[in-house]
Amino acid sequence: MTDGRITTVKLGDHGPEVGVQGLGCMGMSFAYGPVDADASRATLERALELGVTFYDTADAYGAGENERFLSPFFKAHRDEVVIATKFALSIPPDDPTRRVIRNDPPYIRQAVEASLKRLDVDVIDLYYMHRRDVNVPIEESVGTMADLVREGKVKHLGLSEVTADELRAAHAVHPIAAVQSEWSLFSRDIETYVVPAARDLGVALVPYSPLGRGFLTGSFTNAEQDLTPDDFRRQQPRFTGENATANATLLELIRTVADAHGASLGQIALAWVQQQATIRDLPVIPIPGTRKPSRVEENTAATRIILTEEQLDLLDGIAAQVAGNRYADMAFTSAGRE
């Protein structure tokens, strides 16, 4: 570990070996305001140098632009990286601002071919169902995904924002390598049902937004005041108005722990998520997103911070005090259906 590289872990019983922390790539071309392509490319390279081998994208990020942007990096390092992408958020031709959830087999086949073309690869390492369409039996959707594995277009299957029952039903059709859900000091709803189900089935947990979309780093305290008009976070209830003001006060508890470790707020938030692997007895591979090499260095360093029982207890009560939901409409999350 003298070179700063992170350790590795198996992505569940049925997945590949990956770095114990991945990289969320959405913000490199979508959702979080202005982007710097050169800085993002440097971030990808620095992440790989530090042992980050698990890269997360989706066809909906920038209407395919994120997959296109990542393609040259993936091609240059194909044997070193694990590519995860997703389907399900269809963009209507008449309204590019909308997203329609589709899990039907014809759409899945259409989506995988489009992703393979944009990524310019022969096979996708981990293919997720991004969101769940409750009008399509999950067995039918996962059956089609399993066909993609048999056809050599996909290596492993994943699900995002599914309930424990949906995970079990899917796993009975084909082994699921990973479940992706929001999990952080601010968002802990998956711990009641989804995490125990994943542990029982040998499925890895891939927490997205482990830094609370940046709020847990202290980089902004009110989305409407601090972020650009095109920033997605201005639409999320907990980052605006009185909710943001109330939630900013919760950062002081994290700061107390950070000061004890000589660490940043974000590092403590990430260390807490990483430590859930030991606490919950299952693989946990968070995918913090960033567009700066210096942030990748900071984030990966958090994998070496061990919080004490006293510090864990101090942080434990934060989520119950958070004001506002993580989305304006929670119907498309596992918590909205459990």
Protein backbone atom coordinates (compact mmCIF):
# COMPACT_ATOMS: atom_id res chain seq x y z
CA MET A 1 0.00 0.00 0.00
CA THR A 2 3.01 2.33 -0.06
CA ASP A 3 2.15 3.49 -3.58
CA GLY A 4 -1.31 4.64 -2.46
CA ARG A 5 -3.18 2.00 -4.45
CA ILE A 6 -6.41 0.74 -2.95
CA THR A 7 -7.06 -2.91 -2.17
CA THR A 8 -9.39 -5.12 -4.19
CA VAL A 9 -12.56 -7.06 -3.43
CA LYS A 10 -14.79 -9.47 -5.32
CA LEU A 11 -17.96 -7.88 -6.62
CA GLY A 12 -20.18 -10.36 -4.80
CA ASP A 13 -20.13 -14.13 -5.19
CA HIS A 14 -20.76 -13.88 -8.93
CA GLY A 15 -18.82 -10.78 -9.99
CA PRO A 16 -15.26 -9.83 -10.95
CA GLU A 17 -12.43 -8.58 -8.72
CA VAL A 18 -12.46 -4.77 -8.53
CA GLY A 19 -10.89 -1.97 -6.54
CA VAL A 20 -12.63 -1.52 -3.20
CA GLN A 21 -13.77 1.92 -4.42
CA GLY A 22 -15.07 2.70 -7.89
CA LEU A 23 -15.62 5.92 -9.81
CA GLY A 24 -18.98 7.41 -10.73
CA CYS A 25 -18.57 9.07 -14.12
CA MET A 26 -21.96 10.74 -14.65
CA GLY A 27 -20.79 14.23 -13.74
CA MET A 28 -18.11 14.20 -16.42
CA SER A 29 -20.76 14.99 -19.02
CA PHE A 30 -24.10 15.47 -17.26
CA ALA A 31 -26.07 16.82 -14.30
CA TYR A 32 -23.55 18.78 -12.22
CA GLY A 33 -22.96 21.98 -14.13
CA PRO A 34 -20.06 22.97 -16.44
CA VAL A 35 -17.52 20.27 -17.30
CA ASP A 36 -13.84 20.26 -18.20
CA ALA A 37 -13.12 17.33 -20.52
CA ASP A 38 -9.34 17.49 -20.06
CA ALA A 39 -9.65 17.45 -16.26
CA SER A 40 -12.08 14.54 -16.47
CA ARG A 41 -9.70 12.55 -18.65
CA ALA A 42 -6.89 13.23 -16.19
CA THR A 43 -9.18 12.08 -13.40
CA LEU A 44 -9.84 8.76 -15.13
CA GLU A 45 -6.12 8.13 -15.58
CA ARG A 46 -5.25 9.09 -11.99
CA ALA A 47 -8.01 6.85 -10.65
CA LEU A 48 -6.59 3.87 -12.52
CA GLU A 49 -3.10 4.63 -11.18
CA LEU A 50 -4.56 4.47 -7.67
CA GLY A 51 -6.18 1.08 -8.22
CA VAL A 52 -9.69 2.21 -9.15
CA THR A 53 -10.76 -0.34 -11.75
CA PHE A 54 -14.58 -0.11 -11.55
CA TYR A 55 -16.11 2.66 -13.68
CA ASP A 56 -19.82 3.48 -13.62
CA THR A 57 -21.86 5.09 -16.39
CA ALA A 58 -25.33 4.76 -17.98
CA ASP A 59 -26.98 5.29 -21.33
CA ALA A 60 -29.13 8.05 -19.83
CA TYR A 61 -26.19 10.20 -18.71
CA GLY A 62 -26.17 12.98 -21.23
CA ALA A 63 -28.32 10.89 -23.62
CA GLY A 64 -25.38 8.58 -24.34
CA GLU A 65 -22.68 11.26 -24.27
CA ASN A 66 -21.10 9.89 -21.10
CA GLU A 67 -20.59 6.46 -22.66
CA ARG A 68 -19.06 8.10 -25.76
CA PHE A 69 -16.78 10.24 -23.63
CA LEU A 70 -15.49 7.25 -21.67
CA SER A 71 -14.96 5.02 -24.71
CA PRO A 72 -11.36 6.08 -25.57
CA PHE A 73 -10.24 5.58 -21.96
CA PHE A 74 -11.88 2.16 -21.79
CA LYS A 75 -10.35 1.08 -25.10
CA ALA A 76 -6.87 2.18 -23.99
CA HIS A 77 -7.16 0.18 -20.75
CA ARG A 78 -9.65 -2.55 -21.66
CA ASP A 79 -7.87 -5.33 -19.77
CA GLU A 80 -7.50 -3.20 -16.63
CA VAL A 81 -11.03 -1.82 -16.18
CA VAL A 82 -14.46 -3.16 -15.31
CA ILE A 83 -17.16 -1.28 -17.22
CA ALA A 84 -20.60 -0.88 -15.66
CA THR A 85 -23.43 0.74 -17.59
CA LYS A 86 -27.21 0.73 -17.35
CA PHE A 87 -30.48 0.71 -19.27
CA ALA A 88 -34.10 1.60 -18.43
CA LEU A 89 -34.39 5.40 -18.67
CA SER A 90 -35.69 5.89 -22.19
CA ILE A 91 -35.64 9.40 -23.71
CA PRO A 92 -38.75 10.24 -25.75
CA PRO A 93 -37.79 11.70 -29.17
CA ASP A 94 -40.28 14.56 -28.75
CA ASP A 95 -39.02 15.63 -25.32
CA PRO A 96 -35.32 15.09 -24.53
CA THR A 97 -35.81 16.44 -20.99
CA ARG A 98 -38.06 13.51 -19.99
CA ARG A 99 -37.16 9.99 -18.92
CA VAL A 100 -39.55 7.03 -19.30
CA ILE A 101 -38.77 3.82 -17.44
CA ARG A 102 -38.74 0.78 -19.72
CA ASN A 103 -37.86 -2.79 -18.74
CA ASP A 104 -39.52 -4.63 -21.65
CA PRO A 105 -37.37 -7.19 -23.51
CA PRO A 106 -37.37 -5.42 -26.92
CA TYR A 107 -36.17 -2.21 -25.30
CA ILE A 108 -33.45 -4.03 -23.33
CA ARG A 109 -32.07 -5.50 -26.55
CA GLN A 110 -32.21 -2.14 -28.27
CA ALA A 111 -30.46 -0.48 -25.32
CA VAL A 112 -27.60 -2.95 -25.01
CA GLU A 113 -26.75 -2.72 -28.70
CA ALA A 114 -26.70 1.07 -28.48
CA SER A 115 -24.44 1.01 -25.41
CA LEU A 116 -22.05 -1.46 -26.98
CA LYS A 117 -21.78 0.81 -30.01
CA ARG A 118 -21.23 4.00 -28.00
CA LEU A 119 -18.68 2.34 -25.72
CA ASP A 120 -17.10 0.64 -28.74
CA VAL A 121 -16.56 -2.63 -26.86
CA ASP A 122 -17.49 -6.24 -27.57
CA VAL A 123 -18.91 -6.95 -24.13
CA ILE A 124 -20.17 -4.99 -21.10
CA ASP A 125 -18.71 -6.24 -17.82
CA LEU A 126 -21.69 -5.32 -15.60
CA TYR A 127 -25.09 -4.42 -17.03
CA TYR A 128 -27.60 -2.84 -14.67
CA MET A 129 -31.32 -2.32 -14.80
CA HIS A 130 -31.24 1.38 -13.87
CA ARG A 131 -34.80 1.69 -12.56
CA ARG A 132 -37.67 -0.72 -12.13
CA ASP A 133 -40.80 -0.66 -14.28
CA VAL A 134 -43.36 -2.34 -12.02
CA ASN A 135 -45.61 -3.06 -15.01
CA VAL A 136 -43.11 -5.58 -16.40
CA PRO A 137 -42.47 -8.75 -14.36
CA ILE A 138 -38.88 -8.59 -13.13
CA GLU A 139 -38.45 -12.25 -14.08
CA GLU A 140 -39.17 -11.30 -17.70
CA SER A 141 -36.67 -8.44 -17.71
CA VAL A 142 -33.91 -10.40 -16.00
CA GLY A 143 -34.61 -13.35 -18.28
CA THR A 144 -33.75 -11.16 -21.25
CA MET A 145 -30.66 -9.82 -19.44
CA ALA A 146 -29.60 -13.42 -18.80
CA ASP A 147 -29.93 -14.11 -22.53
CA LEU A 148 -27.45 -11.28 -23.13
CA VAL A 149 -24.97 -13.07 -20.86
CA ARG A 150 -25.43 -16.32 -22.78
CA GLU A 151 -24.95 -14.44 -26.06
CA GLY A 152 -21.66 -12.95 -24.84
CA LYS A 153 -22.80 -9.33 -24.91
CA VAL A 154 -22.76 -8.94 -21.11
CA LYS A 155 -20.66 -10.69 -18.46
CA HIS A 156 -22.52 -9.93 -15.20
CA LEU A 157 -25.91 -8.53 -14.18
CA GLY A 158 -26.82 -5.78 -11.76
CA LEU A 159 -29.91 -4.00 -10.50
CA SER A 160 -30.38 -0.45 -9.24
CA GLU A 161 -32.91 0.79 -6.68
CA VAL A 162 -34.74 -2.52 -6.29
CA THR A 163 -36.52 -3.84 -3.21
CA ALA A 164 -35.39 -6.93 -1.34
CA ASP A 165 -38.23 -8.98 -2.84
CA GLU A 166 -37.37 -7.79 -6.34
CA LEU A 167 -33.74 -8.72 -5.78
CA ARG A 168 -34.67 -12.21 -4.63
CA ALA A 169 -37.00 -12.73 -7.60
CA ALA A 170 -34.33 -11.55 -10.03
CA HIS A 171 -31.59 -13.66 -8.43
CA ALA A 172 -33.76 -16.75 -8.82
CA VAL A 173 -33.69 -16.21 -12.60
CA HIS A 174 -29.97 -15.42 -12.93
CA PRO A 175 -27.21 -14.62 -10.40
CA ILE A 176 -27.05 -10.91 -9.64
CA ALA A 177 -23.54 -9.57 -9.01
CA ALA A 178 -24.40 -6.16 -7.59
CA VAL A 179 -27.19 -3.91 -6.40
CA GLN A 180 -26.69 -0.19 -6.75
CA SER A 181 -28.57 2.15 -4.40
CA GLU A 182 -27.98 5.45 -2.70
CA TRP A 183 -26.25 4.84 0.64
CA SER A 184 -24.55 7.44 2.78
CA LEU A 185 -24.61 9.09 6.19
CA PHE A 186 -27.69 10.95 4.90
CA SER A 187 -29.44 8.02 3.13
CA ARG A 188 -29.79 4.72 4.94
CA ASP A 189 -33.17 3.31 3.93
CA ILE A 190 -31.68 0.24 2.21
CA GLU A 191 -30.30 -1.09 5.49
CA THR A 192 -33.65 -2.48 6.66
CA TYR A 193 -34.40 -4.91 3.82
CA VAL A 194 -32.09 -4.62 0.82
CA VAL A 195 -28.75 -4.98 2.58
CA PRO A 196 -29.74 -8.17 4.48
CA ALA A 197 -31.14 -9.68 1.26
CA ALA A 198 -27.95 -8.86 -0.63
CA ARG A 199 -25.83 -10.40 2.14
CA ASP A 200 -27.92 -13.59 2.12
CA LEU A 201 -27.65 -13.92 -1.67
CA GLY A 202 -23.94 -13.07 -1.98
CA VAL A 203 -24.66 -9.84 -3.85
CA ALA A 204 -22.38 -6.80 -3.57
CA LEU A 205 -23.71 -3.36 -2.65
CA VAL A 206 -22.58 -0.46 -4.85
CA PRO A 207 -23.51 2.79 -3.07
CA TYR A 208 -24.01 5.72 -5.38
CA SER A 209 -23.86 9.30 -4.04
CA PRO A 210 -21.89 8.16 -0.95
CA LEU A 211 -20.93 11.83 -0.51
CA GLY A 212 -24.55 12.97 -0.56
CA ARG A 213 -24.03 14.46 -4.06
CA GLY A 214 -21.26 16.61 -2.62
CA PHE A 215 -23.24 18.03 0.29
CA LEU A 216 -21.37 15.84 2.78
CA THR A 217 -18.08 17.36 1.66
CA GLY A 218 -19.25 20.85 2.61
CA SER A 219 -18.63 22.06 -0.94
CA PHE A 220 -22.07 23.68 -1.02
CA THR A 221 -24.76 24.38 1.58
CA ASN A 222 -27.69 25.53 -0.54
CA ALA A 223 -28.12 24.33 -4.11
CA GLU A 224 -30.17 27.33 -5.24
CA GLN A 225 -27.60 29.80 -3.96
CA ASP A 226 -24.34 27.95 -4.57
CA LEU A 227 -24.83 25.95 -7.79
CA THR A 228 -25.32 26.85 -11.44
CA PRO A 229 -28.87 26.86 -12.91
CA ASP A 230 -28.24 23.65 -14.89
CA ASP A 231 -27.16 21.67 -11.81
CA PHE A 232 -29.42 18.68 -11.10
CA ARG A 233 -29.09 19.13 -7.33
CA ARG A 234 -31.27 22.24 -7.43
CA GLN A 235 -34.21 19.85 -7.96
CA GLN A 236 -33.55 17.74 -4.87
CA PRO A 237 -35.54 18.68 -1.76
CA ARG A 238 -32.84 18.19 0.87
CA PHE A 239 -30.45 20.66 -0.79
CA THR A 240 -32.73 23.70 -1.00
CA GLY A 241 -34.50 26.15 1.29
CA GLU A 242 -35.01 25.37 4.96
CA ASN A 243 -34.04 21.73 4.39
CA ALA A 244 -30.57 22.75 3.24
CA THR A 245 -30.13 25.06 6.19
CA ALA A 246 -31.11 22.33 8.64
CA ASN A 247 -28.96 19.69 6.95
CA ALA A 248 -25.87 21.91 6.91
CA THR A 249 -25.87 21.89 10.72
CA LEU A 250 -25.47 18.09 10.66
CA LEU A 251 -22.06 18.45 9.05
CA GLU A 252 -20.64 19.58 12.38
CA LEU A 253 -20.87 16.04 13.75
CA ILE A 254 -18.87 14.79 10.79
CA ARG A 255 -16.38 17.62 11.27
CA THR A 256 -15.73 16.45 14.85
CA VAL A 257 -14.68 13.03 13.57
CA ALA A 258 -12.75 14.51 10.65
CA ASP A 259 -10.68 16.69 12.95
CA ALA A 260 -9.75 13.66 15.04
CA HIS A 261 -8.36 11.92 11.94
CA GLY A 262 -6.86 14.97 10.29
CA ALA A 263 -9.22 14.21 7.41
CA SER A 264 -11.77 16.05 5.28
CA LEU A 265 -15.54 15.81 5.75
CA GLY A 266 -15.78 13.81 2.55
CA GLN A 267 -13.17 11.32 3.66
CA ILE A 268 -15.09 10.56 6.84
CA ALA A 269 -18.35 10.17 4.91
CA LEU A 270 -16.61 7.73 2.55
CA ALA A 271 -14.82 5.89 5.34
CA TRP A 272 -18.21 5.32 6.99
CA VAL A 273 -19.60 3.77 3.81
CA GLN A 274 -16.50 1.66 3.22
CA GLN A 275 -16.64 0.36 6.79
CA GLN A 276 -20.18 -0.93 6.26
CA ALA A 277 -18.60 -3.87 4.46
CA THR A 278 -17.22 -5.10 7.77
CA ILE A 279 -20.23 -4.05 9.83
CA ARG A 280 -22.79 -5.61 7.46
CA ASP A 281 -20.66 -8.56 6.30
CA LEU A 282 -20.94 -8.06 2.53
CA PRO A 283 -18.87 -6.44 -0.23
CA VAL A 284 -19.46 -2.67 -0.40
CA ILE A 285 -17.90 -0.77 -3.31
CA PRO A 286 -18.94 2.91 -3.30
CA ILE A 287 -18.67 4.91 -6.50
CA PRO A 288 -18.06 8.55 -5.52
CA GLY A 289 -18.13 10.82 -8.54
CA THR A 290 -15.58 13.50 -9.25
CA ARG A 291 -13.96 15.36 -12.15
CA LYS A 292 -10.71 16.29 -10.43
CA PRO A 293 -7.58 14.11 -9.94
CA SER A 294 -6.99 15.67 -6.52
CA ARG A 295 -10.44 14.51 -5.38
CA VAL A 296 -9.74 10.96 -6.53
CA GLU A 297 -6.60 11.01 -4.40
CA GLU A 298 -8.60 12.28 -1.43
CA ASN A 299 -11.40 9.76 -1.94
CA THR A 300 -9.17 6.71 -2.31
CA ALA A 301 -7.20 7.72 0.78
CA ALA A 302 -10.45 7.38 2.72
CA THR A 303 -10.29 3.60 2.22
CA ARG A 304 -7.47 3.56 4.79
CA ILE A 305 -9.37 5.42 7.53
CA ILE A 306 -10.84 3.20 10.25
CA LEU A 307 -13.51 4.77 12.44
CA THR A 308 -13.74 3.80 16.10
CA GLU A 309 -16.88 2.41 17.69
CA GLU A 310 -17.35 5.73 19.47
CA GLN A 311 -17.08 7.63 16.19
CA LEU A 312 -19.48 5.27 14.46
CA ASP A 313 -21.99 5.80 17.27
CA LEU A 314 -21.62 9.56 16.92
CA LEU A 315 -22.34 9.41 13.20
CA ASP A 316 -25.11 6.86 13.50
CA GLY A 317 -27.91 9.28 14.30
CA ILE A 318 -27.33 11.73 11.46
CA ALA A 319 -29.64 10.15 8.87
CA ALA A 320 -32.69 10.30 11.14
CA GLN A 321 -32.27 14.07 11.39
CA VAL A 322 -32.00 14.78 7.65
CA ALA A 323 -34.68 17.12 6.33
CA GLY A 324 -36.21 16.35 2.93
CA ASN A 325 -36.24 13.31 0.65
CA ARG A 326 -33.38 12.46 -1.69
CA TYR A 327 -35.72 12.82 -4.69
CA ALA A 328 -38.86 14.88 -5.17
CA ASP A 329 -40.57 11.66 -6.32
CA MET A 330 -39.50 8.62 -4.31
CA ALA A 331 -41.72 6.22 -6.26
CA PHE A 332 -38.78 5.16 -8.43
CA THR A 333 -36.56 4.18 -5.48
CA SER A 334 -36.54 0.95 -3.50
CA ALA A 335 -37.62 2.89 -0.41
CA GLY A 336 -40.71 4.10 -2.25
CA ARG A 337 -41.83 0.49 -2.85
CA GLU A 338 -40.72 -1.42 0.26
